[in-house]
Structures are given as C-alpha cells and as structure tokens.
C-alpha atoms as a PDB file:
ATOM      1  CA  MET A   1       0.000   0.000   0.000  1.00  0.00           C
ATOM      2  CA  ASP A   2       1.349   3.470  -0.898  1.00  0.00           C
ATOM      3  CA  ILE A   3       1.339   5.983   1.970  1.00  0.00           C
ATOM      4  CA  ILE A   4       1.598   9.647   1.023  1.00  0.00           C
ATOM      5  CA  VAL A   5       1.737  12.170   3.842  1.00  0.00           C
ATOM      6  CA  THR A   6       1.184  15.727   2.696  1.00  0.00           C
ATOM      7  CA  MET A   7       0.917  18.951   4.662  1.00  0.00           C
ATOM      8  CA  ASN A   8       1.272  22.601   3.882  1.00  0.00           C
ATOM      9  CA  ILE A   9       5.013  22.351   3.471  1.00  0.00           C
ATOM     10  CA  PRO A  10       7.418  22.677   0.536  1.00  0.00           C
ATOM     11  CA  GLU A  11       7.196  19.945  -2.083  1.00  0.00           C
ATOM     12  CA  ASP A  12      10.762  18.755  -1.430  1.00  0.00           C
ATOM     13  CA  LEU A  13       9.877  17.916   2.166  1.00  0.00           C
ATOM     14  CA  ILE A  14       6.876  15.750   1.332  1.00  0.00           C
ATOM     15  CA  ILE A  15       7.355  12.235   2.777  1.00  0.00           C
ATOM     16  CA  LYS A  16       6.470   9.479   0.357  1.00  0.00           C
ATOM     17  CA  THR A  17       6.719   5.797   1.262  1.00  0.00           C
ATOM     18  CA  THR A  18       6.019   3.589  -1.716  1.00  0.00           C
ATOM     19  CA  GLY A  19       6.839   0.135  -3.009  1.00  0.00           C
ATOM     20  CA  VAL A  20       9.666   1.449  -5.181  1.00  0.00           C
ATOM     21  CA  ARG A  21      12.459   0.593  -2.761  1.00  0.00           C
ATOM     22  CA  MET A  22      11.142  -2.918  -2.328  1.00  0.00           C
ATOM     23  CA  ASN A  23      11.030  -3.334  -6.104  1.00  0.00           C
ATOM     24  CA  LYS A  24      14.634  -2.196  -6.381  1.00  0.00           C
ATOM     25  CA  PHE A  25      15.539  -4.566  -3.575  1.00  0.00           C
ATOM     26  CA  TYR A  26      13.930  -7.448  -5.448  1.00  0.00           C
ATOM     27  CA  GLU A  27      15.575  -6.479  -8.718  1.00  0.00           C
ATOM     28  CA  ILE A  28      19.111  -6.450  -7.322  1.00  0.00           C
ATOM     29  CA  LEU A  29      19.421 -10.129  -8.250  1.00  0.00           C
ATOM     30  CA  ARG A  30      16.293 -10.574 -10.363  1.00  0.00           C
ATOM     31  CA  ASN A  31      18.131 -10.182 -13.658  1.00  0.00           C
ATOM     32  CA  GLU A  32      21.396 -11.859 -12.649  1.00  0.00           C
ATOM     33  CA  ASP A  33      22.282 -14.814 -14.874  1.00  0.00           C
ATOM     34  CA  TYR A  34      21.751 -17.941 -12.801  1.00  0.00           C
ATOM     35  CA  LYS A  35      21.784 -20.393 -15.724  1.00  0.00           C
ATOM     36  CA  PRO A  36      25.519 -21.269 -15.511  1.00  0.00           C
ATOM     37  CA  PHE A  37      24.840 -22.615 -12.006  1.00  0.00           C
ATOM     38  CA  VAL A  38      21.781 -24.724 -12.785  1.00  0.00           C
ATOM     39  CA  GLU A  39      22.075 -28.391 -11.840  1.00  0.00           C
ATOM     40  CA  THR A  40      19.687 -31.225 -12.604  1.00  0.00           C
ATOM     41  CA  LYS A  41      18.567 -33.776 -10.061  1.00  0.00           C
ATOM     42  CA  GLY A  42      16.714 -37.006 -10.727  1.00  0.00           C
ATOM     43  CA  GLY A  43      16.418 -39.567 -13.482  1.00  0.00           C
ATOM     44  CA  SER A  44      13.891 -40.964 -15.923  1.00  0.00           C
ATOM     45  CA  ASN A  45      10.886 -40.841 -13.615  1.00  0.00           C
ATOM     46  CA  PHE A  46      11.662 -37.426 -12.125  1.00  0.00           C
ATOM     47  CA  SER A  47      14.056 -34.597 -12.829  1.00  0.00           C
ATOM     48  CA  ALA A  48      14.265 -31.005 -11.678  1.00  0.00           C
ATOM     49  CA  ASP A  49      16.535 -28.051 -12.357  1.00  0.00           C
ATOM     50  CA  TYR A  50      17.781 -26.100  -9.379  1.00  0.00           C
ATOM     51  CA  VAL A  51      20.420 -23.682  -8.084  1.00  0.00           C
ATOM     52  CA  SER A  52      22.209 -25.026  -5.034  1.00  0.00           C
ATOM     53  CA  TRP A  53      21.963 -23.345  -1.656  1.00  0.00           C
ATOM     54  CA  ALA A  54      25.715 -22.610  -1.756  1.00  0.00           C
ATOM     55  CA  VAL A  55      25.383 -20.590  -4.975  1.00  0.00           C
ATOM     56  CA  MET A  56      22.406 -18.730  -3.502  1.00  0.00           C
ATOM     57  CA  HIS A  57      24.315 -18.002  -0.288  1.00  0.00           C
ATOM     58  CA  ASP A  58      27.313 -16.721  -2.249  1.00  0.00           C
ATOM     59  CA  TYR A  59      25.177 -14.280  -4.240  1.00  0.00           C
ATOM     60  CA  LEU A  60      23.335 -13.067  -1.152  1.00  0.00           C
ATOM     61  CA  LYS A  61      26.577 -12.401   0.744  1.00  0.00           C
ATOM     62  CA  LYS A  62      28.038 -10.547  -2.233  1.00  0.00           C
ATOM     63  CA  ASN A  63      25.045  -8.244  -2.632  1.00  0.00           C
ATOM     64  CA  PHE A  64      23.719  -7.631   0.872  1.00  0.00           C
ATOM     65  CA  GLN A  65      25.491  -6.405   3.957  1.00  0.00           C
ATOM     66  CA  TYR A  66      23.548  -8.686   6.295  1.00  0.00           C
ATOM     67  CA  VAL A  67      22.257 -12.227   5.713  1.00  0.00           C
ATOM     68  CA  GLU A  68      20.601 -14.407   8.337  1.00  0.00           C
ATOM     69  CA  TYR A  69      18.882 -17.794   8.191  1.00  0.00           C
ATOM     70  CA  LYS A  70      16.593 -19.008  10.936  1.00  0.00           C
ATOM     71  CA  ILE A  71      15.707 -22.691  10.894  1.00  0.00           C
ATOM     72  CA  HIS A  72      12.528 -23.110  12.916  1.00  0.00           C
ATOM     73  CA  GLU A  73      12.586 -25.806  15.583  1.00  0.00           C
ATOM     74  CA  TYR A  74       9.755 -27.791  17.114  1.00  0.00           C
ATOM     75  CA  GLN A  75       9.426 -29.934  20.213  1.00  0.00           C
ATOM     76  CA  ILE A  76       7.833 -33.360  20.353  1.00  0.00           C
ATOM     77  CA  THR A  77       7.586 -35.894  23.136  1.00  0.00           C
ATOM     78  CA  LYS A  78       8.307 -39.490  22.212  1.00  0.00           C
ATOM     79  CA  ASP A  79       8.519 -42.369  24.648  1.00  0.00           C
ATOM     80  CA  GLY A  80       8.634 -39.890  27.524  1.00  0.00           C
ATOM     81  CA  THR A  81      11.561 -37.931  26.069  1.00  0.00           C
ATOM     82  CA  THR A  82      11.186 -34.366  24.770  1.00  0.00           C
ATOM     83  CA  LEU A  83      13.071 -33.776  21.529  1.00  0.00           C
ATOM     84  CA  THR A  84      13.809 -30.533  19.714  1.00  0.00           C
ATOM     85  CA  LEU A  85      13.668 -31.086  15.956  1.00  0.00           C
ATOM     86  CA  PRO A  86      14.503 -28.811  12.978  1.00  0.00           C
ATOM     87  CA  TYR A  87      11.212 -29.810  11.343  1.00  0.00           C
ATOM     88  CA  MET A  88       7.518 -30.014  12.101  1.00  0.00           C
ATOM     89  CA  LEU A  89       6.305 -33.587  12.446  1.00  0.00           C
ATOM     90  CA  LEU A  90       2.785 -34.053  11.095  1.00  0.00           C
ATOM     91  CA  PRO A  91       0.229 -36.617  12.381  1.00  0.00           C
ATOM     92  CA  ASN A  92       0.949 -38.974   9.456  1.00  0.00           C
ATOM     93  CA  SER A  93       4.696 -38.948  10.321  1.00  0.00           C
ATOM     94  CA  THR A  94       5.660 -36.797   7.325  1.00  0.00           C
ATOM     95  CA  ALA A  95       7.577 -33.598   7.986  1.00  0.00           C
ATOM     96  CA  VAL A  96       7.857 -29.959   6.948  1.00  0.00           C
ATOM     97  CA  VAL A  97      10.838 -27.640   7.409  1.00  0.00           C
ATOM     98  CA  LYS A  98      10.491 -23.886   7.751  1.00  0.00           C
ATOM     99  CA  VAL A  99      13.190 -21.279   7.158  1.00  0.00           C
ATOM    100  CA  THR A 100      13.130 -17.507   7.679  1.00  0.00           C
ATOM    101  CA  LEU A 101      15.596 -15.567   5.544  1.00  0.00           C
ATOM    102  CA  THR A 102      16.493 -12.007   6.559  1.00  0.00           C
ATOM    103  CA  LEU A 103      18.449  -9.640   4.320  1.00  0.00           C
ATOM    104  CA  GLU A 104      19.557  -6.075   4.912  1.00  0.00           C
ATOM    105  CA  ASP A 105      20.258  -3.810   1.953  1.00  0.00           C
ATOM    106  CA  ASN A 106      22.748  -0.962   1.739  1.00  0.00           C
ATOM    107  CA  ASP A 107      20.072   1.493   2.897  1.00  0.00           C
ATOM    108  CA  GLY A 108      19.750  -0.384   6.180  1.00  0.00           C
ATOM    109  CA  ASP A 109      16.342  -1.808   5.349  1.00  0.00           C
ATOM    110  CA  LYS A 110      15.704  -5.379   6.473  1.00  0.00           C
ATOM    111  CA  HIS A 111      13.465  -7.731   4.538  1.00  0.00           C
ATOM    112  CA  HIS A 112      12.187 -11.130   5.654  1.00  0.00           C
ATOM    113  CA  HIS A 113      10.754 -14.141   3.893  1.00  0.00           C
ATOM    114  CA  GLU A 114       9.451 -17.376   5.398  1.00  0.00           C
ATOM    115  CA  GLU A 115       9.440 -20.507   3.291  1.00  0.00           C
ATOM    116  CA  CYS A 116       8.231 -24.054   3.969  1.00  0.00           C
ATOM    117  CA  LEU A 117       9.031 -27.298   2.177  1.00  0.00           C
ATOM    118  CA  ALA A 118       7.932 -30.868   2.723  1.00  0.00           C
ATOM    119  CA  VAL A 119      10.670 -33.423   3.346  1.00  0.00           C
ATOM    120  CA  ARG A 120      10.570 -35.656   0.277  1.00  0.00           C
ATOM    121  CA  ASN A 121      12.259 -38.834  -0.860  1.00  0.00           C
ATOM    122  CA  PHE A 122      14.022 -39.398  -4.188  1.00  0.00           C
ATOM    123  CA  ARG A 123      10.649 -39.951  -5.867  1.00  0.00           C
ATOM    124  CA  MET A 124       9.578 -36.504  -4.610  1.00  0.00           C
ATOM    125  CA  SER A 125       6.871 -37.992  -2.402  1.00  0.00           C
ATOM    126  CA  ALA A 126       6.510 -36.878   1.217  1.00  0.00           C
ATOM    127  CA  GLU A 127       8.767 -39.078   3.325  1.00  0.00           C
ATOM    128  CA  THR A 128       7.461 -40.758   6.464  1.00  0.00           C
ATOM    129  CA  SER A 129       9.889 -40.759   9.394  1.00  0.00           C
ATOM    130  CA  PRO A 130      12.603 -38.882   7.432  1.00  0.00           C
ATOM    131  CA  ASP A 131      16.256 -39.405   8.254  1.00  0.00           C
ATOM    132  CA  ALA A 132      18.823 -36.714   9.035  1.00  0.00           C
ATOM    133  CA  ALA A 133      20.160 -36.504   5.472  1.00  0.00           C
ATOM    134  CA  GLN A 134      16.699 -35.934   4.016  1.00  0.00           C
ATOM    135  CA  VAL A 135      15.985 -33.191   6.565  1.00  0.00           C
ATOM    136  CA  GLU A 136      19.350 -31.526   5.900  1.00  0.00           C
ATOM    137  CA  ASN A 137      18.810 -31.544   2.130  1.00  0.00           C
ATOM    138  CA  THR A 138      15.320 -30.103   2.507  1.00  0.00           C
ATOM    139  CA  ILE A 139      16.576 -27.293   4.742  1.00  0.00           C
ATOM    140  CA  ARG A 140      19.197 -26.376   2.141  1.00  0.00           C
ATOM    141  CA  ARG A 141      16.617 -26.466  -0.653  1.00  0.00           C
ATOM    142  CA  CYS A 142      14.315 -24.326   1.476  1.00  0.00           C
ATOM    143  CA  ILE A 143      17.088 -21.752   1.937  1.00  0.00           C
ATOM    144  CA  ALA A 144      17.619 -21.650  -1.834  1.00  0.00           C
ATOM    145  CA  LYS A 145      13.891 -21.215  -2.472  1.00  0.00           C
ATOM    146  CA  ALA A 146      13.597 -18.464   0.144  1.00  0.00           C
ATOM    147  CA  GLY A 147      16.451 -16.642  -1.587  1.00  0.00           C
ATOM    148  CA  SER A 148      14.673 -16.890  -4.952  1.00  0.00           C
ATOM    149  CA  MET A 149      11.378 -15.686  -3.528  1.00  0.00           C
ATOM    150  CA  LEU A 150      12.979 -12.716  -1.783  1.00  0.00           C
ATOM    151  CA  THR A 151      15.441 -11.570  -4.435  1.00  0.00           C
ATOM    152  CA  GLY A 152      14.197 -13.019  -7.729  1.00  0.00           C
ATOM    153  CA  PHE A 153      17.482 -14.846  -8.365  1.00  0.00           C
ATOM    154  CA  GLY A 154      16.576 -18.028 -10.244  1.00  0.00           C
ATOM    155  CA  ILE A 155      12.871 -17.467  -9.643  1.00  0.00           C
ATOM    156  CA  GLU A 156      12.069 -18.978 -13.049  1.00  0.00           C
ATOM    157  CA  LEU A 157      13.116 -22.384 -11.736  1.00  0.00           C
ATOM    158  CA  TRP A 158      10.111 -22.313  -9.408  1.00  0.00           C
ATOM    159  CA  PHE A 159       7.567 -21.285 -12.044  1.00  0.00           C
ATOM    160  CA  GLY A 160       4.822 -23.900 -12.248  1.00  0.00           C
ATOM    161  CA  GLU A 161       5.811 -25.555  -8.959  1.00  0.00           C
ATOM    162  CA  ASP A 162       2.312 -25.052  -7.553  1.00  0.00           C
ATOM    163  CA  ILE A 163       0.776 -26.644 -10.653  1.00  0.00           C
ATOM    164  CA  LYS A 164       3.029 -29.704 -10.307  1.00  0.00           C
ATOM    165  CA  ASP A 165       1.979 -30.106  -6.678  1.00  0.00           C
ATOM    166  CA  LEU A 166      -1.669 -30.297  -7.744  1.00  0.00           C
ATOM    167  CA  ASP A 167      -0.821 -33.653  -9.345  1.00  0.00           C
ATOM    168  CA  TYR A 168       0.817 -34.970  -6.187  1.00  0.00           C
ATOM    169  CA  ARG A 169      -0.537 -38.226  -4.835  1.00  0.00           C
ATOM    170  CA  PRO A 170       0.615 -39.745  -1.528  1.00  0.00           C
ATOM    171  CA  GLU A 171       2.609 -42.949  -1.905  1.00  0.00           C
ATOM    172  CA  THR A 172       0.919 -46.192  -0.993  1.00  0.00           C
ATOM    173  CA  LEU A 173       1.963 -49.804  -0.595  1.00  0.00           C
ATOM    174  CA  LYS A 174       1.472 -52.221  -3.480  1.00  0.00           C
ATOM    175  CA  ASN A 175      -1.913 -53.180  -2.045  1.00  0.00           C
ATOM    176  CA  GLY A 176      -3.085 -49.559  -2.021  1.00  0.00           C
ATOM    177  CA  GLN A 177      -2.827 -49.130   1.740  1.00  0.00           C
ATOM    178  CA  LYS A 178      -1.143 -46.065   3.224  1.00  0.00           C
ATOM    179  CA  PRO A 179       2.036 -46.820   5.180  1.00  0.00           C
ATOM    180  CA  LYS A 180       1.734 -46.434   8.944  1.00  0.00           C
ATOM    181  CA  GLU A 181       4.340 -45.206  11.393  1.00  0.00           C
ATOM    182  CA  GLY A 182       6.570 -48.020  12.593  1.00  0.00           C
ATOM    183  CA  HIS A 183       5.319 -50.425   9.943  1.00  0.00           C
ATOM    184  CA  ILE A 184       6.502 -51.485   6.497  1.00  0.00           C
ATOM    185  CA  THR A 185       7.547 -48.546   4.322  1.00  0.00           C
ATOM    186  CA  VAL A 186       6.964 -48.001   0.621  1.00  0.00           C
ATOM    187  CA  ASP A 187      10.661 -48.561  -0.088  1.00  0.00           C
ATOM    188  CA  GLN A 188      10.620 -51.840   1.841  1.00  0.00           C
ATOM    189  CA  ASN A 189       7.470 -52.889  -0.025  1.00  0.00           C
ATOM    190  CA  VAL A 190       9.091 -52.199  -3.400  1.00  0.00           C
ATOM    191  CA  LYS A 191      12.268 -54.043  -2.437  1.00  0.00           C
ATOM    192  CA  LEU A 192      10.433 -57.070  -1.070  1.00  0.00           C
ATOM    193  CA  ASP A 193       8.319 -57.312  -4.204  1.00  0.00           C
ATOM    194  CA  ARG A 194      11.399 -57.062  -6.444  1.00  0.00           C
ATOM    195  CA  LEU A 195      13.358 -59.658  -4.484  1.00  0.00           C
ATOM    196  CA  SER A 196      10.449 -62.110  -4.434  1.00  0.00           C
ATOM    197  CA  ARG A 197      10.334 -61.985  -8.250  1.00  0.00           C
ATOM    198  CA  ASP A 198      13.996 -62.913  -8.665  1.00  0.00           C
ATOM    199  CA  PRO A 199      14.422 -65.708 -11.256  1.00  0.00           C
ATOM    200  CA  VAL A 200      15.953 -67.999  -8.644  1.00  0.00           C
ATOM    201  CA  PHE A 201      12.493 -68.333  -7.071  1.00  0.00           C
ATOM    202  CA  LYS A 202      10.810 -69.444 -10.307  1.00  0.00           C
ATOM    203  CA  GLY A 203       8.398 -72.287  -9.627  1.00  0.00           C
ATOM    204  CA  THR A 204       8.117 -71.495  -5.902  1.00  0.00           C
ATOM    205  CA  ASP A 205       5.448 -69.694  -3.891  1.00  0.00           C
ATOM    206  CA  THR A 206       7.885 -67.037  -2.623  1.00  0.00           C
ATOM    207  CA  SER A 207       6.064 -64.162  -4.335  1.00  0.00           C
ATOM    208  CA  THR A 208       2.721 -65.229  -2.823  1.00  0.00           C
ATOM    209  CA  LYS A 209       4.247 -65.487   0.659  1.00  0.00           C
ATOM    210  CA  VAL A 210       5.794 -62.021   0.352  1.00  0.00           C
ATOM    211  CA  LYS A 211       2.458 -60.566  -0.759  1.00  0.00           C
ATOM    212  CA  THR A 212       0.794 -62.114   2.288  1.00  0.00           C
ATOM    213  CA  LEU A 213       3.507 -60.612   4.495  1.00  0.00           C
ATOM    214  CA  ILE A 214       2.983 -57.148   3.009  1.00  0.00           C
ATOM    215  CA  ASP A 215      -0.801 -57.382   3.398  1.00  0.00           C
ATOM    216  CA  SER A 216      -0.317 -58.173   7.094  1.00  0.00           C
ATOM    217  CA  ASN A 217       1.288 -54.712   7.508  1.00  0.00           C
ATOM    218  CA  PRO A 218       4.387 -55.955   9.372  1.00  0.00           C
ATOM    219  CA  THR A 219       6.617 -53.738  11.452  1.00  0.00           C
ATOM    220  CA  LYS A 220       9.613 -52.089   9.803  1.00  0.00           C
ATOM    221  CA  GLU A 221      11.879 -54.464  11.701  1.00  0.00           C
ATOM    222  CA  LYS A 222       9.989 -57.539  10.497  1.00  0.00           C
ATOM    223  CA  ALA A 223       9.958 -56.245   6.913  1.00  0.00           C
ATOM    224  CA  GLN A 224      13.712 -55.580   7.039  1.00  0.00           C
ATOM    225  CA  ASN A 225      14.294 -59.046   8.447  1.00  0.00           C
ATOM    226  CA  ALA A 226      12.379 -60.508   5.492  1.00  0.00           C
ATOM    227  CA  ILE A 227      14.479 -58.450   3.080  1.00  0.00           C
ATOM    228  CA  ASP A 228      17.694 -59.687   4.676  1.00  0.00           C
ATOM    229  CA  LYS A 229      16.525 -63.303   4.461  1.00  0.00           C
ATOM    230  CA  LEU A 230      15.529 -62.990   0.801  1.00  0.00           C
ATOM    231  CA  GLU A 231      18.843 -61.381  -0.147  1.00  0.00           C
ATOM    232  CA  LYS A 232      20.733 -64.126   1.676  1.00  0.00           C
ATOM    233  CA  LYS A 233      18.626 -66.844   0.032  1.00  0.00           C
ATOM    234  CA  ILE A 234      19.158 -65.355  -3.438  1.00  0.00           C
ATOM    235  CA  LYS A 235      22.922 -65.414  -2.953  1.00  0.00           C
ATOM    236  CA  GLU A 236      22.835 -69.028  -1.797  1.00  0.00           C
ATOM    237  CA  LEU A 237      20.669 -70.209  -4.689  1.00  0.00           C
ATOM    238  CA  ARG A 238      22.742 -68.320  -7.279  1.00  0.00           C
ATOM    239  CA  LYS A 239      25.886 -69.907  -5.869  1.00  0.00           C
ATOM    240  CA  LYS A 240      24.333 -73.374  -6.150  1.00  0.00           C
ATOM    241  CA  GLN A 241      23.202 -72.700  -9.717  1.00  0.00           C
ATOM    242  CA  LYS A 242      26.693 -71.538 -10.632  1.00  0.00           C
ATOM    243  CA  GLU A 243      28.308 -74.609  -9.069  1.00  0.00           C
ATOM    244  CA  ALA A 244      25.868 -76.916 -10.846  1.00  0.00           C
ATOM    245  CA  ALA A 245      26.463 -75.323 -14.225  1.00  0.00           C
END
C-alpha cells in the first residue's frame, strides 16, 4: 500500500513511502544470470533443475550487507523424552521444514521471507519418518527457495511448482494401503516385491508369501528381516546354480 503524507510544506519535504524501494531490492538479483549454475537432479521418472543453496548463499553475501537464516525448531515428546527437531512432524509422520531468511540492503532496510518445504524422498513424495540426510537436504533447498522468492534470483526455476503439486498423490503400498508409522515402508514394499520376483524363485510360492507378508502390515523391523533373508537366500541359490552349471 502506498502511503503519502502531505501537509502545507514545501514539495521537497513531502514524505512518500512507496513500493519502489522494495522493487529495487527485489531487482538487485532478479536479472542476474543464474543459468551457468543450474544443476539437474533425478532420473527418468523425475528430474528437476535447481540452483544449489551454496550458490544462492554466495550471491546473497556478495550483494547484501547482512544475511541471516533461521531454521525453525519444534518440540515433540516421544517415549517420555522431549526432543527438539529442525522440522515439524505431522500426524501422518511426514515432515515440513520452515526457514526464515532475513536480508539487509545498503540502505539499512531489512526484509524477511518465510518458506516451507515438505521433506521428500528421491521420488519426490513426502517421506514418512525422514532421516537426518533428508531433513538436511530439505533445509538447504528451502534456503535456496527463500532466496529466490525474496530476491528473484533463479525465480524462473520455481515457475509452475504449484501446478506440479496439484498432481501430487501420496505414496501407498502395493496393495493400495497407506504406510503407517513403525510399519513397512513403501521402499521396503518395493524391495520385497522385487526380491520375491527374482528368477531364482521361479516355480516357488515365494512371491505369494511375500504378498501375504505385506498385506499383514508388518513392522519395519519384520519387513527388514524378510528383506535380509531374501537377499541371503538369493545369494545361496545363485551360488548353487553356478556350481551346478
């Protein structure tokens, strides 16, 4: 909103506060060439272009006299122990990180931007019970996005992001069920299914038994134990086939 304060005073003393300075602030990096720093992540099923957080940080430090990142923390109580986490844990065990970026320009004006991102896995689906590496990567990506939103540097890379998210569908197990906290994960489901279809099990009921196991919604520990057993069995059978050849 433009605020114009006028009184019966000379024109050169009229105070005018407009959006012009903010526009100039945004345009400091808006037209900088980010394309030499674009990297691509992903493979055949998913790929995305991005500018790394380190490149963003370098440009911010070069152009602003003050740069600050605040990673929001949240407390949860689990098994009687209170933990402070750098992400918000949602009821379905997925997580969201939140970063506040503060910049100060050469006029001494400070500008803030808050940005949130879901912690995702390599398939870009929300991860349940994310590990430290996934949280760290999401925080860095959130910093990079906050920098783009606040300064315009590389903003084109985020064009259409909201449209893509409209097509997002939560991951499910092979049987269509949603994974539950502490129970078999989507990754474990995929791995079990793949292992059970190994050629060494041709003519056996291994695949049927694995499907029954998955449908029973086993714990993560039980699912991992089944994976370990299948991998061990595959090695043994392949060794026997090789010796018999």
